[in-house]
Amino acid sequence: MTKNVGGIDRTLRIIVGLALIAAAATGTVGLWGYIGVVPLLTGLMGWCPPYALLGFNTCSVKK
């Protein structure tokens, strides 16, 4: 898996993922808030399956 998620994108994914999970855990939002696991994991891994399928890449790779 080649990284296709760049620095700012990764940071935003991690923040949004943690915020959604925290909101779900505190009961602020319903159970759907646990969907925050998806952006959290893609941010931590640096790889996003839809980006790979669509050919997007926000990661600046040094060649």
N, C-alpha and C. Protein backbone atom coordinates (compact mmCIF):
# COMPACT_ATOMS: atom_id res chain seq x y z
N MET A 1 0.84 -1.18 0.00
CA MET A 1 0.00 0.00 0.00
C MET A 1 0.89 1.24 0.00
N THR A 2 0.82 1.99 -1.06
CA THR A 2 1.56 3.23 -1.16
C THR A 2 0.77 4.34 -0.48
N LYS A 3 1.45 5.14 0.29
CA LYS A 3 0.76 6.24 0.99
C LYS A 3 0.17 7.19 -0.04
N ASN A 4 -1.10 7.58 0.18
CA ASN A 4 -1.74 8.52 -0.72
C ASN A 4 -2.47 9.63 0.04
N VAL A 5 -2.20 9.76 1.34
CA VAL A 5 -2.81 10.80 2.16
C VAL A 5 -1.68 11.66 2.73
N GLY A 6 -1.70 12.95 2.39
CA GLY A 6 -0.65 13.87 2.80
C GLY A 6 -0.79 14.37 4.23
N GLY A 7 0.13 15.24 4.63
CA GLY A 7 0.24 15.71 6.00
C GLY A 7 -0.99 16.43 6.54
N ILE A 8 -1.46 17.46 5.84
CA ILE A 8 -2.62 18.21 6.32
C ILE A 8 -3.86 17.33 6.28
N ASP A 9 -3.99 16.55 5.23
CA ASP A 9 -5.12 15.63 5.08
C ASP A 9 -5.13 14.63 6.24
N ARG A 10 -3.97 14.07 6.56
CA ARG A 10 -3.87 13.10 7.66
C ARG A 10 -4.26 13.73 8.99
N THR A 11 -3.74 14.95 9.23
CA THR A 11 -4.03 15.64 10.49
C THR A 11 -5.52 15.89 10.65
N LEU A 12 -6.15 16.38 9.58
CA LEU A 12 -7.59 16.64 9.63
C LEU A 12 -8.39 15.36 9.85
N ARG A 13 -7.99 14.29 9.18
CA ARG A 13 -8.70 13.02 9.35
C ARG A 13 -8.61 12.52 10.80
N ILE A 14 -7.44 12.63 11.38
CA ILE A 14 -7.25 12.17 12.76
C ILE A 14 -8.08 13.02 13.72
N ILE A 15 -8.06 14.34 13.54
CA ILE A 15 -8.83 15.23 14.42
C ILE A 15 -10.32 14.98 14.30
N VAL A 16 -10.82 14.89 13.07
CA VAL A 16 -12.25 14.64 12.85
C VAL A 16 -12.65 13.27 13.40
N GLY A 17 -11.81 12.27 13.15
CA GLY A 17 -12.10 10.93 13.66
C GLY A 17 -12.19 10.89 15.17
N LEU A 18 -11.22 11.50 15.83
CA LEU A 18 -11.23 11.53 17.30
C LEU A 18 -12.42 12.32 17.84
N ALA A 19 -12.75 13.43 17.17
CA ALA A 19 -13.89 14.25 17.61
C ALA A 19 -15.20 13.48 17.49
N LEU A 20 -15.39 12.76 16.39
CA LEU A 20 -16.61 11.97 16.21
C LEU A 20 -16.71 10.85 17.24
N ILE A 21 -15.60 10.17 17.47
CA ILE A 21 -15.60 9.08 18.45
C ILE A 21 -15.88 9.62 19.85
N ALA A 22 -15.27 10.75 20.19
CA ALA A 22 -15.49 11.36 21.51
C ALA A 22 -16.95 11.79 21.66
N ALA A 23 -17.52 12.38 20.61
CA ALA A 23 -18.92 12.81 20.66
C ALA A 23 -19.85 11.61 20.82
N ALA A 24 -19.54 10.51 20.17
CA ALA A 24 -20.37 9.31 20.30
C ALA A 24 -20.21 8.69 21.69
N ALA A 25 -18.99 8.70 22.21
CA ALA A 25 -18.73 8.11 23.53
C ALA A 25 -19.41 8.89 24.65
N THR A 26 -19.53 10.20 24.48
CA THR A 26 -20.16 11.02 25.52
C THR A 26 -21.66 11.14 25.34
N GLY A 27 -22.18 10.59 24.26
CA GLY A 27 -23.62 10.62 24.02
C GLY A 27 -24.11 11.89 23.35
N THR A 28 -23.19 12.74 22.90
CA THR A 28 -23.57 13.97 22.21
C THR A 28 -24.26 13.67 20.89
N VAL A 29 -23.75 12.69 20.18
CA VAL A 29 -24.37 12.22 18.93
C VAL A 29 -24.71 10.75 19.12
N GLY A 30 -25.45 10.22 18.20
CA GLY A 30 -25.84 8.82 18.30
C GLY A 30 -24.68 7.89 17.99
N LEU A 31 -25.00 6.64 17.81
CA LEU A 31 -23.99 5.63 17.53
C LEU A 31 -23.28 5.87 16.20
N TRP A 32 -23.92 6.62 15.31
CA TRP A 32 -23.29 6.89 14.02
C TRP A 32 -21.96 7.61 14.19
N GLY A 33 -21.73 8.23 15.31
CA GLY A 33 -20.48 8.94 15.55
C GLY A 33 -19.26 8.03 15.55
N TYR A 34 -19.49 6.75 15.79
CA TYR A 34 -18.37 5.80 15.77
C TYR A 34 -17.85 5.56 14.36
N ILE A 35 -18.51 6.13 13.35
CA ILE A 35 -17.98 6.08 11.99
C ILE A 35 -16.66 6.84 11.93
N GLY A 36 -16.37 7.61 12.97
CA GLY A 36 -15.11 8.33 13.07
C GLY A 36 -13.90 7.42 13.08
N VAL A 37 -14.13 6.13 13.27
CA VAL A 37 -13.03 5.16 13.22
C VAL A 37 -12.43 5.14 11.81
N VAL A 38 -13.26 5.33 10.80
CA VAL A 38 -12.77 5.26 9.41
C VAL A 38 -11.76 6.38 9.12
N PRO A 39 -12.11 7.66 9.33
CA PRO A 39 -11.08 8.68 9.05
C PRO A 39 -9.88 8.58 10.00
N LEU A 40 -10.11 8.12 11.22
CA LEU A 40 -8.99 7.96 12.15
C LEU A 40 -7.99 6.92 11.62
N LEU A 41 -8.49 5.78 11.20
CA LEU A 41 -7.60 4.73 10.68
C LEU A 41 -6.91 5.13 9.39
N THR A 42 -7.65 5.77 8.47
CA THR A 42 -7.02 6.18 7.22
C THR A 42 -5.98 7.26 7.47
N GLY A 43 -6.23 8.11 8.46
CA GLY A 43 -5.24 9.12 8.81
C GLY A 43 -4.00 8.52 9.44
N LEU A 44 -4.18 7.54 10.29
CA LEU A 44 -3.04 6.90 10.94
C LEU A 44 -2.23 6.05 9.97
N MET A 45 -2.91 5.38 9.05
CA MET A 45 -2.23 4.52 8.07
C MET A 45 -1.61 5.34 6.94
N GLY A 46 -2.22 6.48 6.61
CA GLY A 46 -1.71 7.28 5.50
C GLY A 46 -2.17 6.76 4.15
N TRP A 47 -3.15 5.88 4.15
CA TRP A 47 -3.65 5.28 2.92
C TRP A 47 -5.17 5.25 2.95
N CYS A 48 -5.79 5.70 1.87
CA CYS A 48 -7.24 5.77 1.77
C CYS A 48 -7.69 4.96 0.54
N PRO A 49 -8.49 3.90 0.74
CA PRO A 49 -8.93 3.08 -0.39
C PRO A 49 -9.67 3.85 -1.49
N PRO A 50 -10.62 4.75 -1.15
CA PRO A 50 -11.27 5.50 -2.24
C PRO A 50 -10.29 6.37 -3.03
N TYR A 51 -9.30 6.94 -2.34
CA TYR A 51 -8.28 7.72 -3.05
C TYR A 51 -7.55 6.84 -4.05
N ALA A 52 -7.22 5.61 -3.64
CA ALA A 52 -6.51 4.69 -4.51
C ALA A 52 -7.36 4.33 -5.73
N LEU A 53 -8.65 4.09 -5.52
CA LEU A 53 -9.54 3.73 -6.62
C LEU A 53 -9.72 4.88 -7.61
N LEU A 54 -9.79 6.10 -7.09
CA LEU A 54 -10.04 7.27 -7.93
C LEU A 54 -8.77 7.94 -8.44
N GLY A 55 -7.63 7.48 -7.97
CA GLY A 55 -6.34 8.02 -8.44
C GLY A 55 -5.92 9.31 -7.77
N PHE A 56 -6.50 9.65 -6.62
CA PHE A 56 -6.12 10.85 -5.89
C PHE A 56 -4.86 10.57 -5.07
N ASN A 57 -4.08 11.63 -4.83
CA ASN A 57 -2.92 11.51 -3.99
C ASN A 57 -2.61 12.88 -3.41
N THR A 58 -2.72 13.03 -2.11
CA THR A 58 -2.41 14.30 -1.46
C THR A 58 -1.06 14.23 -0.76
N CYS A 59 -0.38 13.13 -0.93
CA CYS A 59 0.92 12.93 -0.30
C CYS A 59 2.02 13.37 -1.26
N SER A 60 2.92 14.22 -0.77
CA SER A 60 4.05 14.63 -1.60
C SER A 60 5.15 13.60 -1.41
N VAL A 61 5.32 12.75 -2.39
CA VAL A 61 6.29 11.68 -2.32
C VAL A 61 7.57 12.12 -3.01
N LYS A 62 8.68 11.97 -2.32
CA LYS A 62 9.97 12.31 -2.91
C LYS A 62 10.44 11.15 -3.75
N LYS A 63 10.75 11.42 -5.00
CA LYS A 63 11.17 10.34 -5.91
C LYS A 63 12.66 10.37 -6.15
